[in-house]
């Protein structure tokens, strides 16, 4: 997948993660993309380790895995910030 695809998927995953986990989180557009890209890696790694999912790009499964990973990162960020 090209870099532009990673950025677009990261944007979608980051926005979905913030939509599912509302709250006061600092960060704008760039932080949302970075959160989503990192979430794609984290979600893919966790899914692969558990044997339940892998990162497949712009498929429903890929978006769900990336969003789940972004939500995990957002939860960790909120926990560490307190």
Protein backbone atom coordinates (compact mmCIF):
# COMPACT_ATOMS: atom_id res chain seq x y z
CA UNK A 1 0.00 0.00 0.00
CA UNK A 2 1.34 3.42 -0.85
CA UNK A 3 2.03 6.15 1.65
CA UNK A 4 -1.02 8.11 0.52
CA UNK A 5 -3.20 5.05 1.20
CA UNK A 6 -1.74 4.73 4.71
CA UNK A 7 -2.48 8.41 5.37
CA UNK A 8 -6.06 8.10 4.10
CA UNK A 9 -6.70 4.93 6.07
CA UNK A 10 -5.11 6.58 9.11
CA UNK A 11 -7.41 9.55 8.76
CA UNK A 12 -10.48 7.32 8.55
CA UNK A 13 -9.38 5.16 11.50
CA UNK A 14 -8.44 8.16 13.65
CA UNK A 15 -11.73 9.93 12.99
CA UNK A 16 -13.71 6.76 13.74
CA UNK A 17 -11.75 6.19 16.96
CA UNK A 18 -12.50 9.72 18.15
CA UNK A 19 -16.13 9.30 17.10
CA UNK A 20 -16.51 6.08 19.14
CA UNK A 21 -14.56 7.49 22.11
CA UNK A 22 -15.70 11.11 22.53
CA UNK A 23 -14.00 13.31 25.05
CA UNK A 24 -11.52 16.11 25.43
CA UNK A 25 -8.43 15.12 23.55
CA UNK A 26 -5.90 17.63 22.34
CA UNK A 27 -4.80 17.32 18.78
CA UNK A 28 -6.05 18.33 15.44
CA UNK A 29 -6.01 16.93 11.96
CA UNK A 30 -2.36 15.76 11.97
CA UNK A 31 -2.64 14.04 15.36
CA UNK A 32 -5.79 12.27 14.18
CA UNK A 33 -3.95 10.92 11.13
CA UNK A 34 -0.92 9.84 13.19
CA UNK A 35 -3.19 8.16 15.73
CA UNK A 36 -4.97 6.27 12.96
CA UNK A 37 -1.76 5.18 11.20
CA UNK A 38 -0.24 3.98 14.47
CA UNK A 39 -3.57 2.35 15.30
CA UNK A 40 -3.44 0.41 12.05
CA UNK A 41 -0.06 -1.01 13.02
CA UNK A 42 -1.13 -1.74 16.61
CA UNK A 43 -4.47 -3.25 15.59
CA UNK A 44 -2.84 -5.38 12.91
CA UNK A 45 -0.20 -6.62 15.34
CA UNK A 46 -2.74 -7.43 18.09
CA UNK A 47 -5.10 -9.12 15.64
CA UNK A 48 -2.28 -11.20 14.17
CA UNK A 49 -1.02 -12.24 17.61
CA UNK A 50 -4.50 -13.34 18.63
CA UNK A 51 -5.06 -15.05 15.29
CA UNK A 52 -8.37 -13.30 14.72
CA UNK A 53 -7.58 -10.60 12.17
CA UNK A 54 -4.88 -9.02 10.14
CA UNK A 55 -4.49 -5.68 8.44
CA UNK A 56 -5.78 -5.89 4.88
CA UNK A 57 -5.90 -2.27 3.77
CA UNK A 58 -9.09 -0.66 2.53
CA UNK A 59 -11.44 -3.48 3.37
CA UNK A 60 -14.03 -3.46 6.11
CA UNK A 61 -11.81 -5.74 8.17
CA UNK A 62 -8.79 -3.49 7.63
CA UNK A 63 -10.70 -0.37 8.67
CA UNK A 64 -12.12 -2.10 11.75
CA UNK A 65 -8.69 -3.40 12.78
CA UNK A 66 -7.10 0.03 12.28
CA UNK A 67 -9.91 1.74 14.18
CA UNK A 68 -9.64 -0.76 17.05
CA UNK A 69 -5.90 -0.14 17.24
CA UNK A 70 -6.45 3.62 17.24
CA UNK A 71 -8.97 3.24 20.05
CA UNK A 72 -6.44 1.23 22.07
CA UNK A 73 -3.85 3.98 21.55
CA UNK A 74 -6.36 6.68 22.49
CA UNK A 75 -7.28 4.79 25.66
CA UNK A 76 -3.60 4.41 26.58
CA UNK A 77 -3.01 8.09 25.91
CA UNK A 78 -5.89 9.06 28.19
CA UNK A 79 -4.68 6.69 30.91
CA UNK A 80 -1.11 8.02 30.80
CA UNK A 81 -2.26 11.63 30.67
CA UNK A 82 -4.10 11.33 34.01
